[in-house]
Protein backbone atom coordinates (compact mmCIF):
# COMPACT_ATOMS: atom_id res chain seq x y z
CA UNK A 1 -7.64 -12.82 -29.35
CA UNK A 2 -5.05 -10.70 -27.60
CA UNK A 3 -5.53 -6.95 -28.17
CA UNK A 4 -2.73 -5.09 -29.92
CA UNK A 5 -0.22 -3.25 -27.75
CA UNK A 6 3.02 -1.69 -28.88
CA UNK A 7 6.15 -3.41 -27.61
CA UNK A 8 7.71 -0.50 -25.75
CA UNK A 9 10.90 -2.48 -25.14
CA UNK A 10 11.74 -2.10 -28.85
CA UNK A 11 12.52 1.56 -29.43
CA UNK A 12 13.29 0.96 -33.11
CA UNK A 13 9.68 -0.13 -33.73
CA UNK A 14 8.15 2.99 -32.22
CA UNK A 15 9.74 5.56 -34.52
CA UNK A 16 8.40 9.08 -34.10
CA UNK A 17 5.42 7.91 -32.04
CA UNK A 18 7.33 8.48 -28.81
CA UNK A 19 8.53 11.95 -29.81
CA UNK A 20 6.36 14.82 -28.62
CA UNK A 21 4.49 16.06 -25.54
CA UNK A 22 3.84 13.87 -22.52
CA UNK A 23 0.64 13.76 -20.46
CA UNK A 24 0.56 15.31 -17.02
CA UNK A 25 0.95 12.95 -14.07
CA UNK A 26 0.04 13.39 -10.40
CA UNK A 27 2.48 14.92 -7.94
CA UNK A 28 5.05 12.37 -6.69
CA UNK A 29 3.97 10.00 -9.48
CA UNK A 30 7.39 8.42 -9.97
CA UNK A 31 8.10 7.79 -6.29
CA UNK A 32 4.61 6.42 -5.64
CA UNK A 33 4.72 4.26 -8.77
CA UNK A 34 7.95 2.62 -7.61
CA UNK A 35 6.55 2.10 -4.11
CA UNK A 36 3.33 0.59 -5.48
CA UNK A 37 5.22 -1.71 -7.86
CA UNK A 38 7.54 -2.91 -5.10
CA UNK A 39 4.66 -3.80 -2.78
CA UNK A 40 2.81 -5.62 -5.56
CA UNK A 41 5.86 -7.75 -6.34
CA UNK A 42 6.56 -8.46 -2.67
CA UNK A 43 2.97 -9.54 -2.02
CA UNK A 44 2.64 -11.64 -5.16
CA UNK A 45 4.07 -14.62 -3.27
CA UNK A 46 6.49 -15.42 -6.12
CA UNK A 47 3.63 -16.06 -8.53
CA UNK A 48 3.42 -14.94 -12.14
CA UNK A 49 1.90 -11.46 -12.11
CA UNK A 50 -1.04 -10.79 -14.42
CA UNK A 51 -2.52 -7.27 -14.43
CA UNK A 52 -6.24 -7.38 -15.21
CA UNK A 53 -7.61 -4.65 -17.46
CA UNK A 54 -5.70 -1.48 -18.21
CA UNK A 55 -5.80 0.39 -14.91
CA UNK A 56 -2.34 -0.69 -13.75
CA UNK A 57 -0.57 -0.62 -17.09
CA UNK A 58 1.98 1.88 -15.73
CA UNK A 59 2.94 -0.65 -13.05
CA UNK A 60 3.20 -3.31 -15.76
CA UNK A 61 5.43 -1.04 -17.89
CA UNK A 62 7.62 -0.12 -14.93
CA UNK A 63 8.13 -3.75 -13.93
CA UNK A 64 8.76 -4.73 -17.56
CA UNK A 65 11.66 -2.28 -17.54
CA UNK A 66 12.85 -3.28 -14.08
CA UNK A 67 12.80 -7.00 -14.86
CA UNK A 68 14.44 -6.68 -18.29
CA UNK A 69 17.60 -8.80 -18.50
CA UNK A 70 16.55 -10.86 -15.46
CA UNK A 71 14.89 -14.25 -15.04
CA UNK A 72 11.70 -12.40 -14.08
CA UNK A 73 11.38 -10.71 -17.48
CA UNK A 74 8.58 -13.01 -18.77
CA UNK A 75 6.80 -13.15 -15.41
CA UNK A 76 4.52 -10.12 -15.85
CA UNK A 77 1.70 -9.72 -18.35
CA UNK A 78 -1.43 -7.73 -19.15
CA UNK A 79 -4.86 -9.31 -19.46
CA UNK A 80 -6.68 -6.55 -21.31
CA UNK A 81 -10.35 -7.29 -20.75
CA UNK A 82 -13.10 -5.13 -19.30
CA UNK A 83 -16.58 -6.13 -18.22
CA UNK A 84 -18.48 -3.87 -15.86
CA UNK A 85 -22.10 -4.52 -16.60
CA UNK A 86 -22.65 -8.19 -17.44
CA UNK A 87 -21.81 -11.44 -15.74
CA UNK A 88 -19.79 -13.88 -17.79
CA UNK A 89 -22.67 -16.34 -17.53
CA UNK A 90 -24.90 -13.77 -19.24
CA UNK A 91 -22.31 -13.21 -21.94
CA UNK A 92 -21.99 -16.94 -22.50
CA UNK A 93 -25.75 -17.24 -22.96
CA UNK A 94 -26.22 -14.18 -25.17
CA UNK A 95 -22.89 -14.03 -27.05
CA UNK A 96 -21.31 -17.49 -27.13
CA UNK A 97 -18.80 -16.43 -29.80
CA UNK A 98 -17.51 -13.65 -27.55
CA UNK A 99 -17.24 -16.10 -24.67
CA UNK A 100 -15.22 -18.54 -26.77
CA UNK A 101 -12.99 -15.69 -27.97
CA UNK A 102 -12.32 -14.82 -24.32
CA UNK A 103 -11.19 -18.38 -23.70
CA UNK A 104 -8.83 -18.15 -26.66
CA UNK A 105 -7.40 -14.94 -25.21
CA UNK A 106 -6.70 -16.76 -21.95
CA UNK A 107 -5.05 -19.65 -23.80
CA UNK A 108 -2.74 -17.25 -25.67
CA UNK A 109 -1.65 -15.81 -22.32
CA UNK A 110 -1.28 -19.33 -20.85
CA UNK A 111 -4.10 -18.68 -18.40
CA UNK A 112 -6.42 -21.58 -19.23
CA UNK A 113 -7.05 -23.78 -16.16
CA UNK A 114 -4.77 -26.59 -17.34
CA UNK A 115 -2.00 -24.08 -18.08
CA UNK A 116 -2.38 -22.52 -14.63
CA UNK A 117 -2.22 -25.95 -13.01
CA UNK A 118 0.98 -26.64 -14.94
CA UNK A 119 2.63 -23.46 -13.67
CA UNK A 120 4.83 -24.47 -10.72
CA UNK A 121 4.28 -21.18 -8.88
CA UNK A 122 0.75 -20.25 -9.87
CA UNK A 123 -0.83 -16.95 -10.90
CA UNK A 124 -1.38 -13.67 -9.08
CA UNK A 125 -4.13 -11.56 -10.66
CA UNK A 126 -3.75 -7.87 -9.80
CA UNK A 127 -6.13 -4.96 -10.37
CA UNK A 128 -7.41 -1.77 -8.79
CA UNK A 129 -10.30 -2.83 -6.57
CA UNK A 130 -13.36 -1.20 -5.09
CA UNK A 131 -15.73 -4.08 -4.37
CA UNK A 132 -13.98 -6.94 -6.15
CA UNK A 133 -16.61 -7.68 -8.80
CA UNK A 134 -14.06 -8.16 -11.58
CA UNK A 135 -12.09 -10.63 -9.48
CA UNK A 136 -15.29 -12.57 -8.72
CA UNK A 137 -16.21 -12.93 -12.38
CA UNK A 138 -12.67 -13.92 -13.28
CA UNK A 139 -12.56 -16.55 -10.54
CA UNK A 140 -15.83 -18.24 -11.49
CA UNK A 141 -14.93 -18.09 -15.18
CA UNK A 142 -11.86 -20.20 -14.43
CA UNK A 143 -13.63 -22.51 -11.97
CA UNK A 144 -16.47 -23.29 -14.38
CA UNK A 145 -14.01 -23.85 -17.19
CA UNK A 146 -11.99 -26.22 -15.01
CA UNK A 147 -15.14 -28.15 -14.09
CA UNK A 148 -15.97 -28.63 -17.79
CA UNK A 149 -12.52 -30.14 -18.29
CA UNK A 150 -12.87 -32.41 -15.22
CA UNK A 151 -9.99 -30.64 -13.50
CA UNK A 152 -9.67 -30.43 -9.72
CA UNK A 153 -11.14 -27.06 -8.64
CA UNK A 154 -9.39 -27.19 -5.27
CA UNK A 155 -6.03 -27.64 -6.99
CA UNK A 156 -6.82 -24.68 -9.22
CA UNK A 157 -7.75 -22.54 -6.22
CA UNK A 158 -4.39 -23.28 -4.63
CA UNK A 159 -2.69 -21.91 -7.74
CA UNK A 160 -4.50 -18.56 -7.59
CA UNK A 161 -3.99 -15.34 -5.71
CA UNK A 162 -5.92 -12.07 -6.06
CA UNK A 163 -4.05 -8.88 -5.23
CA UNK A 164 -6.17 -5.76 -4.91
CA UNK A 165 -4.78 -2.24 -5.23
CA UNK A 166 -7.00 -0.14 -2.99
CA UNK A 167 -7.35 3.53 -2.12
CA UNK A 168 -5.57 4.27 1.16
CA UNK A 169 -7.76 5.10 4.15
CA UNK A 170 -7.23 5.31 7.89
CA UNK A 171 -6.56 1.83 9.24
CA UNK A 172 -9.14 0.83 11.83
CA UNK A 173 -11.29 -2.19 12.77
CA UNK A 174 -14.17 -0.57 10.88
CA UNK A 175 -12.26 -0.12 7.61
CA UNK A 176 -14.22 -1.58 4.67
CA UNK A 177 -12.20 -4.40 3.09
CA UNK A 178 -13.52 -5.85 -0.14
CA UNK A 179 -12.46 -9.43 0.53
CA UNK A 180 -14.44 -9.56 3.78
CA UNK A 181 -17.60 -9.02 1.72
CA UNK A 182 -16.69 -11.53 -1.00
CA UNK A 183 -18.18 -14.85 0.09
CA UNK A 184 -16.34 -16.76 -2.66
CA UNK A 185 -12.98 -15.88 -1.12
CA UNK A 186 -13.60 -17.65 2.19
CA UNK A 187 -15.73 -20.39 0.65
CA UNK A 188 -12.96 -21.50 -1.70
CA UNK A 189 -9.96 -20.64 0.48
CA UNK A 190 -8.57 -18.12 -1.99
CA UNK A 191 -5.34 -16.28 -1.21
CA UNK A 192 -6.00 -12.53 -1.15
CA UNK A 193 -3.70 -9.61 -0.41
CA UNK A 194 -3.96 -5.87 -0.88
CA UNK A 195 -1.72 -2.90 -1.59
CA UNK A 196 -3.05 0.50 -0.58
CA UNK A 197 -1.95 3.59 -2.48
CA UNK A 198 -2.75 7.31 -2.13
CA UNK A 199 -6.28 8.16 -3.21
CA UNK A 200 -5.24 10.55 -5.97
CA UNK A 201 -2.96 7.93 -7.54
CA UNK A 202 -5.70 5.28 -7.29
CA UNK A 203 -8.16 7.65 -8.96
CA UNK A 204 -5.61 8.49 -11.67
CA UNK A 205 -4.93 4.84 -12.46
CA UNK A 206 -8.56 3.82 -12.41
CA UNK A 207 -10.41 6.81 -13.83
CA UNK A 208 -8.23 9.50 -15.38
CA UNK A 209 -5.14 8.10 -17.07
CA UNK A 210 -5.11 7.72 -20.85
CA UNK A 211 -4.24 4.13 -21.80
CA UNK A 212 -1.94 2.71 -24.46
CA UNK A 213 -4.40 0.09 -25.73
CA UNK A 214 -8.05 0.30 -26.60
CA UNK A 215 -10.52 -0.92 -24.03
CA UNK A 216 -11.67 -4.48 -24.63
CA UNK A 217 -15.29 -4.95 -23.52
CA UNK A 218 -17.33 -8.04 -24.50
CA UNK A 219 -18.49 -6.54 -27.81
CA UNK A 220 -14.89 -6.54 -29.09
CA UNK A 221 -13.68 -9.89 -27.73
CA UNK A 222 -14.27 -11.53 -31.11
CA UNK A 223 -13.51 -8.48 -33.27
CA UNK A 224 -10.46 -8.15 -35.51
CA UNK A 225 -10.48 -4.42 -34.68
CA UNK A 226 -8.65 -5.12 -31.41
CA UNK A 227 -5.71 -6.47 -33.42
CA UNK A 228 -5.05 -3.05 -35.00
CA UNK A 229 -2.89 -0.33 -33.42
CA UNK A 230 -4.94 2.54 -31.96
CA UNK A 231 -4.09 5.97 -33.34
CA UNK A 232 -6.15 8.41 -31.28
CA UNK A 233 -4.22 11.22 -29.60
CA UNK A 234 -4.93 9.87 -26.12
CA UNK A 235 -3.41 6.49 -26.99
CA UNK A 236 -0.29 8.12 -28.44
CA UNK A 237 0.17 10.30 -25.35
CA UNK A 238 -0.21 7.19 -23.21
CA UNK A 239 2.35 5.36 -25.35
CA UNK A 240 4.90 8.11 -24.74
CA UNK A 241 4.37 7.93 -20.99
CA UNK A 242 4.56 4.13 -21.10
CA UNK A 243 7.88 4.35 -22.94
CA UNK A 244 9.20 6.75 -20.28
CA UNK A 245 7.94 4.49 -17.50
CA UNK A 246 9.64 1.46 -19.06
CA UNK A 247 12.96 3.28 -19.36
CA UNK A 248 12.60 4.57 -15.81
CA UNK A 249 12.19 1.00 -14.64
CA UNK A 250 15.33 0.00 -16.52
CA UNK A 251 17.28 2.85 -14.92
CA UNK A 252 15.97 2.24 -11.40
CA UNK A 253 16.83 -1.41 -10.86
CA UNK A 254 19.04 -0.60 -7.88
CA UNK A 255 16.53 1.85 -6.40
CA UNK A 256 13.75 -0.68 -6.90
CA UNK A 257 15.79 -3.39 -5.20
CA UNK A 258 16.25 -1.02 -2.26
CA UNK A 259 12.48 -0.45 -2.10
CA UNK A 260 11.97 -4.23 -2.01
CA UNK A 261 14.60 -4.65 0.69
CA UNK A 262 12.75 -2.22 2.95
CA UNK A 263 9.55 -4.31 2.99
CA UNK A 264 8.77 -6.90 5.63
CA UNK A 265 8.42 -9.58 2.95
CA UNK A 266 12.21 -9.45 2.44
CA UNK A 267 12.47 -12.32 4.90
CA UNK A 268 11.28 -14.60 2.10
CA UNK A 269 14.12 -16.27 0.20
CA UNK A 270 12.64 -15.78 -3.27
CA UNK A 271 12.43 -12.02 -2.75
CA UNK A 272 16.01 -11.81 -1.55
CA UNK A 273 16.98 -13.75 -4.67
CA UNK A 274 15.16 -11.24 -6.87
CA UNK A 275 16.89 -8.35 -5.12
CA UNK A 276 20.22 -9.98 -5.86
CA UNK A 277 19.32 -10.40 -9.54
CA UNK A 278 18.36 -6.74 -9.83
CA UNK A 279 21.58 -5.58 -8.21
CA UNK A 280 23.65 -7.76 -10.52
CA UNK A 281 21.78 -6.67 -13.64
CA UNK A 282 23.95 -4.90 -16.27
CA UNK A 283 21.63 -1.88 -16.19
CA UNK A 284 21.54 -1.45 -12.41
């Protein structure tokens, strides 16, 4: 089941929910958000972008606004799941109903192995990353599922990319990089890229920011409660910021296209095509 989230693109459905105070954001939030979003798109390798969990929902909301009225509009989505303390194998053994509900969630988002294989461009999973444990569980969940369906795991691997948003540090040969300590990445030839952002923004996204939707740990994967709109003050404050972020994305199509054009990935034809779409958009 897919957790409820307000459709912030439809102002008429939000009513008075988006009227009122906004939460505080870090200094330079808007500039750094646009920069982060641009790098994520550029490094996605023209794959469908799926944000894992809730940490990067502001990036999702910004890109939803930026891509509105373009061919990229349906190419970003949120996979709202969280699982810090159990492996998916443990969950399958102890809570098979929750495990099956997780599979249904993936099917709704067109992320089942067969659906991924049918996607001509593949999937880029994106999340804030420290050691990459969430990515590892997600990868093996899909690989084991594919094996049950007698699908080619190597073909599935070619369709996947994992894009980590990391906290910026000094670049040196001794810098700790999560993918270098993830044996499954090299073993299966998985495409991995990273985007580094300022430490305070990374901490805000991952640890401090109020979120629009409820968290969705294993105990709620099969619960109807996740289908109901949350009404706590923190969720409403987050909704107001999300609405502002979405509208900012709509208003900044030209600025965002400029940010994309300044990246080294602009040499790729698909990215130049996206820049052209953004500049021709009615809202740019």
